[in-house]
N, C-alpha and C. Protein backbone atom coordinates (compact mmCIF):
# COMPACT_ATOMS: atom_id res chain seq x y z
N UNK A 1 -39.12 -28.00 -31.37
CA UNK A 1 -38.08 -27.11 -30.94
C UNK A 1 -38.59 -26.18 -29.84
N UNK A 2 -39.78 -25.64 -30.01
CA UNK A 2 -40.31 -24.65 -29.05
C UNK A 2 -40.41 -25.22 -27.64
N UNK A 3 -40.79 -26.46 -27.50
CA UNK A 3 -40.96 -27.00 -26.16
C UNK A 3 -39.62 -27.23 -25.45
N UNK A 4 -38.52 -27.20 -26.19
CA UNK A 4 -37.19 -27.34 -25.59
C UNK A 4 -36.57 -25.99 -25.24
N UNK A 5 -37.21 -24.91 -25.64
CA UNK A 5 -36.68 -23.58 -25.40
C UNK A 5 -37.37 -22.94 -24.20
N UNK A 6 -36.59 -22.55 -23.22
CA UNK A 6 -37.15 -21.93 -22.04
C UNK A 6 -37.12 -20.41 -22.12
N UNK A 7 -36.19 -19.87 -22.89
CA UNK A 7 -36.04 -18.42 -22.99
C UNK A 7 -36.83 -17.89 -24.18
N UNK A 8 -37.04 -16.57 -24.19
CA UNK A 8 -37.78 -15.94 -25.27
C UNK A 8 -37.01 -15.92 -26.57
N UNK A 9 -35.68 -15.76 -26.48
CA UNK A 9 -34.84 -15.74 -27.67
C UNK A 9 -34.09 -17.05 -27.79
N UNK A 10 -33.80 -17.43 -29.03
CA UNK A 10 -33.05 -18.66 -29.27
C UNK A 10 -31.97 -18.39 -30.29
N UNK A 11 -30.79 -18.96 -30.06
CA UNK A 11 -29.74 -18.89 -31.04
C UNK A 11 -29.63 -20.24 -31.71
N UNK A 12 -29.69 -20.24 -33.00
CA UNK A 12 -29.60 -21.46 -33.79
C UNK A 12 -28.27 -21.43 -34.50
N UNK A 13 -27.42 -22.41 -34.25
CA UNK A 13 -26.12 -22.48 -34.90
C UNK A 13 -26.16 -23.60 -35.93
N UNK A 14 -25.64 -23.30 -37.11
CA UNK A 14 -25.62 -24.30 -38.16
C UNK A 14 -24.45 -24.06 -39.10
N UNK A 15 -24.22 -25.00 -39.97
CA UNK A 15 -23.19 -24.90 -40.99
C UNK A 15 -23.40 -23.59 -41.75
N UNK A 16 -22.33 -22.89 -42.16
CA UNK A 16 -22.48 -21.57 -42.79
C UNK A 16 -23.49 -21.51 -43.95
N UNK A 17 -23.52 -22.52 -44.80
CA UNK A 17 -24.49 -22.51 -45.91
C UNK A 17 -25.92 -22.59 -45.39
N UNK A 18 -26.13 -23.33 -44.32
CA UNK A 18 -27.46 -23.46 -43.74
C UNK A 18 -27.88 -22.13 -43.11
N UNK A 19 -27.00 -21.51 -42.36
CA UNK A 19 -27.31 -20.22 -41.73
C UNK A 19 -27.60 -19.17 -42.80
N UNK A 20 -26.83 -19.20 -43.87
CA UNK A 20 -27.04 -18.25 -44.98
C UNK A 20 -28.41 -18.46 -45.61
N UNK A 21 -28.79 -19.70 -45.79
CA UNK A 21 -30.10 -20.00 -46.39
C UNK A 21 -31.24 -19.56 -45.48
N UNK A 22 -31.07 -19.73 -44.18
CA UNK A 22 -32.10 -19.28 -43.23
C UNK A 22 -32.30 -17.77 -43.29
N UNK A 23 -31.21 -17.05 -43.57
CA UNK A 23 -31.26 -15.59 -43.61
C UNK A 23 -31.67 -15.05 -44.99
N UNK A 24 -31.68 -15.91 -46.00
CA UNK A 24 -31.98 -15.48 -47.37
C UNK A 24 -33.43 -14.99 -47.49
N UNK A 25 -33.69 -14.23 -48.54
CA UNK A 25 -35.04 -13.72 -48.82
C UNK A 25 -35.61 -12.96 -47.63
N UNK A 26 -34.79 -12.05 -47.10
CA UNK A 26 -35.19 -11.24 -45.95
C UNK A 26 -35.55 -12.09 -44.73
N UNK A 27 -34.91 -13.23 -44.57
CA UNK A 27 -35.13 -14.07 -43.40
C UNK A 27 -36.48 -14.77 -43.39
N UNK A 28 -37.01 -15.06 -44.57
CA UNK A 28 -38.33 -15.69 -44.67
C UNK A 28 -38.44 -16.95 -43.82
N UNK A 29 -37.44 -17.84 -43.93
CA UNK A 29 -37.50 -19.09 -43.15
C UNK A 29 -37.40 -18.82 -41.65
N UNK A 30 -36.54 -17.88 -41.26
CA UNK A 30 -36.44 -17.53 -39.84
C UNK A 30 -37.76 -16.95 -39.34
N UNK A 31 -38.37 -16.11 -40.14
CA UNK A 31 -39.66 -15.53 -39.76
C UNK A 31 -40.72 -16.61 -39.56
N UNK A 32 -40.74 -17.59 -40.44
CA UNK A 32 -41.70 -18.69 -40.29
C UNK A 32 -41.44 -19.48 -39.02
N UNK A 33 -40.16 -19.73 -38.72
CA UNK A 33 -39.82 -20.46 -37.50
C UNK A 33 -40.19 -19.66 -36.27
N UNK A 34 -40.00 -18.34 -36.32
CA UNK A 34 -40.37 -17.49 -35.19
C UNK A 34 -41.88 -17.49 -34.97
N UNK A 35 -42.64 -17.49 -36.03
CA UNK A 35 -44.10 -17.55 -35.89
C UNK A 35 -44.54 -18.86 -35.27
N UNK A 36 -43.93 -19.96 -35.70
CA UNK A 36 -44.30 -21.27 -35.17
C UNK A 36 -43.91 -21.45 -33.70
N UNK A 37 -42.75 -20.93 -33.33
CA UNK A 37 -42.24 -21.14 -31.97
C UNK A 37 -42.62 -20.03 -31.00
N UNK A 38 -43.09 -18.90 -31.55
CA UNK A 38 -43.39 -17.72 -30.73
C UNK A 38 -42.13 -17.23 -29.99
N UNK A 39 -40.97 -17.37 -30.65
CA UNK A 39 -39.68 -16.97 -30.10
C UNK A 39 -38.91 -16.17 -31.15
N UNK A 40 -38.00 -15.32 -30.70
CA UNK A 40 -37.07 -14.66 -31.60
C UNK A 40 -35.91 -15.63 -31.84
N UNK A 41 -35.57 -15.87 -33.09
CA UNK A 41 -34.52 -16.82 -33.43
C UNK A 41 -33.40 -16.10 -34.16
N UNK A 42 -32.19 -16.29 -33.68
CA UNK A 42 -31.00 -15.70 -34.28
C UNK A 42 -30.19 -16.83 -34.89
N UNK A 43 -29.89 -16.73 -36.18
CA UNK A 43 -29.11 -17.76 -36.88
C UNK A 43 -27.65 -17.34 -36.93
N UNK A 44 -26.77 -18.22 -36.50
CA UNK A 44 -25.33 -18.00 -36.55
C UNK A 44 -24.68 -19.15 -37.30
N UNK A 45 -23.64 -18.83 -38.05
CA UNK A 45 -22.92 -19.88 -38.76
C UNK A 45 -21.85 -20.48 -37.86
N UNK A 46 -21.65 -21.78 -37.98
CA UNK A 46 -20.65 -22.49 -37.21
C UNK A 46 -19.99 -23.52 -38.13
N UNK A 47 -18.82 -23.19 -38.69
CA UNK A 47 -18.18 -24.10 -39.63
C UNK A 47 -17.74 -25.42 -39.01
N UNK A 48 -17.73 -25.52 -37.70
CA UNK A 48 -17.34 -26.76 -37.04
C UNK A 48 -18.44 -27.82 -37.12
N UNK A 49 -19.67 -27.41 -37.43
CA UNK A 49 -20.78 -28.34 -37.51
C UNK A 49 -20.90 -28.93 -38.91
N UNK A 50 -21.38 -30.16 -38.98
CA UNK A 50 -21.69 -30.79 -40.27
C UNK A 50 -22.92 -30.11 -40.83
N UNK A 51 -23.07 -30.10 -42.14
CA UNK A 51 -24.20 -29.39 -42.75
C UNK A 51 -25.56 -29.90 -42.31
N UNK A 52 -25.63 -31.09 -41.78
CA UNK A 52 -26.92 -31.62 -41.31
C UNK A 52 -27.13 -31.42 -39.80
N UNK A 53 -26.16 -30.83 -39.12
CA UNK A 53 -26.27 -30.59 -37.68
C UNK A 53 -26.74 -29.17 -37.41
N UNK A 54 -27.57 -29.03 -36.40
CA UNK A 54 -28.02 -27.74 -35.93
C UNK A 54 -27.99 -27.78 -34.41
N UNK A 55 -27.53 -26.72 -33.82
CA UNK A 55 -27.51 -26.61 -32.35
C UNK A 55 -28.32 -25.40 -31.94
N UNK A 56 -29.07 -25.54 -30.85
CA UNK A 56 -29.79 -24.40 -30.29
C UNK A 56 -29.70 -24.42 -28.79
């Protein structure tokens, strides 16, 4: 994912349950992804996406 991101911040759109899970436990999963990518990641819910789809 990191090599496809040109900007410092990234918005990750996913099915509402997926976005909620990413934000759970004080954003533990988002924090891990930010450490790996060296980017700030913002999770947004998008009910139009299938639960297995993610857009960034």
